[in-house]
Amino acid sequence: MRLSRLREIVTSMRSADDLIAGLGMRPIPEEGAFFVEGPRTQELSSILVLLTSAADGFSAMHRLEVDEGWTWLDGAPAALLRLRESSKGNHRGSLGLLDDKRRNLLVRRGVWQGAATMGEWTLLSCWCTPAFRPKHFTLGERATLTETFPDFANEIATLTRPNRPIG
């Protein structure tokens, strides 16, 4: 999708439902939120992601076997949680307009991550290198993550689902 067309859609459609319909988005299997695929090669894949305030509108805790970059595009800031098995570099943060330095973020392979909008919706661009494949994805389980990272129990509860998620 051309950037000019994306800007036109986002500018004219100010609700999550409008963006989902206008961009042709669908739910992200297991993880939650909504997406539409972008350019893809063997080395790189990209998607647009929409986080919403709906019950299944957040990106559940997961880890990838590839590096993932996030770029905030529009809407409310996103609350992010990144957790490493080594406990070094665990981070609560945000991505969005409120902080010019935090419009872009890289999550290294193997890091647990989850995100939720801090408003009605957040539109993000995400890319993976090498290109994402479903085998690269591991969904986090609430009990296991809470046991491993007890200091983040509240955030983990917010960014996981008690039962297997959508998709």
Protein backbone atom coordinates (compact mmCIF):
# COMPACT_ATOMS: atom_id res chain seq x y z
CA MET A 1 0.00 0.00 0.00
CA ARG A 2 1.37 3.40 -0.93
CA LEU A 3 2.13 5.79 1.91
CA SER A 4 -0.11 8.48 0.38
CA ARG A 5 -3.05 6.03 0.34
CA LEU A 6 -2.35 4.99 3.92
CA ARG A 7 -2.32 8.64 5.03
CA GLU A 8 -5.60 9.26 3.19
CA ILE A 9 -7.28 6.29 4.89
CA VAL A 10 -5.98 7.11 8.36
CA THR A 11 -6.85 10.81 8.07
CA SER A 12 -10.41 10.16 6.92
CA MET A 13 -11.19 7.23 9.22
CA ARG A 14 -10.89 7.98 12.89
CA SER A 15 -12.36 4.89 14.53
CA ALA A 16 -10.84 1.43 14.91
CA ASP A 17 -13.72 -0.11 12.96
CA ASP A 18 -13.16 2.36 10.10
CA LEU A 19 -9.46 1.50 9.98
CA ILE A 20 -10.10 -2.26 10.09
CA ALA A 21 -12.55 -2.00 7.18
CA GLY A 22 -10.61 0.63 5.21
CA LEU A 23 -7.29 -1.19 5.43
CA GLY A 24 -8.79 -4.67 5.03
CA MET A 25 -7.42 -5.85 8.37
CA ARG A 26 -8.11 -9.17 10.06
CA PRO A 27 -7.39 -10.57 13.54
CA ILE A 28 -3.83 -11.75 14.21
CA PRO A 29 -4.08 -15.48 14.99
CA GLU A 30 -3.26 -16.32 18.63
CA GLU A 31 -1.66 -12.93 19.38
CA GLY A 32 -4.69 -10.65 19.08
CA ALA A 33 -5.05 -7.15 17.58
CA PHE A 34 -5.56 -6.69 13.83
CA PHE A 35 -3.22 -6.67 10.84
CA VAL A 36 -2.79 -6.39 7.10
CA GLU A 37 0.31 -7.68 5.35
CA GLY A 38 2.81 -5.37 3.71
CA PRO A 39 5.84 -6.05 1.51
CA ARG A 40 7.61 -9.37 2.03
CA THR A 41 10.85 -11.02 0.92
CA GLN A 42 12.79 -13.93 2.40
CA GLU A 43 14.85 -11.42 4.35
CA LEU A 44 12.08 -9.08 5.56
CA SER A 45 8.34 -9.10 6.25
CA SER A 46 6.14 -6.21 7.26
CA ILE A 47 2.60 -5.67 8.52
CA LEU A 48 0.39 -2.83 9.70
CA VAL A 49 -0.95 -3.57 13.19
CA LEU A 50 -3.95 -1.99 14.87
CA LEU A 51 -4.20 -2.25 18.65
CA THR A 52 -7.69 -1.45 19.94
CA SER A 53 -9.43 -1.02 23.27
CA ALA A 54 -11.58 -4.11 22.55
CA ALA A 55 -11.08 -7.20 24.73
CA ASP A 56 -9.06 -8.96 21.99
CA GLY A 57 -7.42 -5.78 20.69
CA PHE A 58 -4.04 -6.13 22.42
CA SER A 59 -0.88 -7.92 21.31
CA ALA A 60 -0.58 -10.81 23.78
CA MET A 61 2.77 -11.69 25.33
CA HIS A 62 4.81 -13.62 22.79
CA ARG A 63 8.34 -14.08 21.59
CA LEU A 64 9.77 -14.45 18.13
CA GLU A 65 12.84 -16.21 16.80
CA VAL A 66 13.46 -13.16 14.58
CA ASP A 67 14.11 -9.49 15.32
CA GLU A 68 11.00 -7.27 15.17
CA GLY A 69 10.89 -3.53 14.64
CA TRP A 70 7.91 -1.37 15.59
CA THR A 71 7.07 2.10 14.28
CA TRP A 72 4.22 4.17 15.73
CA LEU A 73 2.10 5.69 12.94
CA ASP A 74 -1.06 7.20 14.44
CA GLY A 75 -3.54 7.15 17.29
CA ALA A 76 -2.81 6.84 20.98
CA PRO A 77 0.59 5.79 22.29
CA ALA A 78 1.12 2.06 22.86
CA ALA A 79 2.15 0.58 26.22
CA LEU A 80 4.86 -2.03 25.71
CA LEU A 81 6.31 -4.70 27.94
CA ARG A 82 9.59 -6.46 27.07
CA LEU A 83 10.97 -9.26 29.25
CA ARG A 84 14.22 -11.19 28.88
CA GLU A 85 14.92 -14.58 30.45
CA SER A 86 18.16 -13.16 31.87
CA SER A 87 16.18 -10.40 33.64
CA LYS A 88 18.60 -7.85 32.16
CA GLY A 89 16.82 -5.30 30.03
CA ASN A 90 13.26 -5.91 31.27
CA HIS A 91 11.35 -2.82 30.31
CA ARG A 92 7.97 -1.15 30.69
CA GLY A 93 7.64 1.59 28.12
CA SER A 94 5.58 3.33 25.51
CA LEU A 95 5.76 4.04 21.82
CA GLY A 96 4.08 7.04 20.26
CA LEU A 97 3.74 10.73 19.69
CA LEU A 98 4.32 11.71 23.31
CA ASP A 99 8.04 11.06 23.00
CA ASP A 100 9.82 11.85 19.73
CA LYS A 101 12.57 9.39 20.60
CA ARG A 102 10.13 6.50 21.06
CA ARG A 103 8.35 6.33 17.71
CA ASN A 104 10.56 3.39 16.72
CA LEU A 105 11.62 0.34 18.69
CA LEU A 106 13.56 -2.85 18.02
CA VAL A 107 12.71 -6.03 19.93
CA ARG A 108 15.48 -8.59 19.65
CA ARG A 109 14.74 -12.24 18.97
CA GLY A 110 13.89 -14.29 22.05
CA VAL A 111 12.53 -11.36 24.09
CA TRP A 112 9.00 -11.72 25.46
CA GLN A 113 6.86 -8.80 24.31
CA GLY A 114 3.29 -7.55 24.48
CA ALA A 115 1.53 -4.27 23.72
CA ALA A 116 -1.76 -2.49 24.27
CA THR A 117 -3.17 0.83 23.17
CA MET A 118 -3.26 3.61 25.76
CA GLY A 119 -6.43 5.00 24.15
CA GLU A 120 -9.08 3.85 21.68
CA TRP A 121 -6.60 2.62 19.05
CA THR A 122 -2.96 2.67 17.95
CA LEU A 123 -1.73 2.09 14.40
CA LEU A 124 1.77 0.61 14.09
CA SER A 125 4.03 -0.72 11.39
CA CYS A 126 5.94 -3.88 12.29
CA TRP A 127 8.69 -5.62 10.38
CA CYS A 128 10.66 -8.78 11.00
CA THR A 129 14.09 -9.81 9.81
CA PRO A 130 14.56 -12.43 8.61
CA ALA A 131 10.98 -12.65 7.37
CA PHE A 132 8.40 -13.89 9.89
CA ARG A 133 7.13 -17.45 9.62
CA PRO A 134 4.53 -18.95 12.00
CA LYS A 135 7.17 -21.37 13.35
CA HIS A 136 9.01 -18.31 14.75
CA PHE A 137 6.10 -17.46 17.11
CA THR A 138 5.62 -18.65 20.72
CA LEU A 139 2.59 -17.44 22.67
CA GLY A 140 3.28 -16.70 26.34
CA GLU A 141 1.32 -18.48 29.04
CA ARG A 142 0.19 -16.36 31.99
CA ALA A 143 1.21 -18.76 34.78
CA THR A 144 4.66 -19.50 33.35
CA LEU A 145 5.47 -15.86 32.63
CA THR A 146 4.24 -14.75 36.07
CA GLU A 147 6.40 -17.39 37.76
CA THR A 148 9.44 -16.34 35.72
CA PHE A 149 8.85 -12.57 36.06
CA PRO A 150 6.91 -12.02 39.34
CA ASP A 151 7.70 -8.27 39.42
CA PHE A 152 5.63 -7.87 36.24
CA ALA A 153 2.61 -9.97 37.31
CA ASN A 154 0.06 -7.16 36.78
CA GLU A 155 1.29 -6.33 33.28
CA ILE A 156 1.48 -10.03 32.36
CA ALA A 157 -2.13 -10.52 33.50
CA THR A 158 -3.19 -7.59 31.31
CA LEU A 159 -1.25 -8.83 28.27
CA THR A 160 -2.24 -12.52 28.35
CA ARG A 161 -5.51 -14.38 28.00
CA PRO A 162 -6.68 -16.98 30.53
CA ASN A 163 -7.71 -19.34 27.71
CA ARG A 164 -6.25 -19.93 24.29
CA PRO A 165 -6.74 -16.71 22.35
CA ILE A 166 -8.46 -15.92 19.09
CA GLY A 167 -7.53 -17.64 15.85
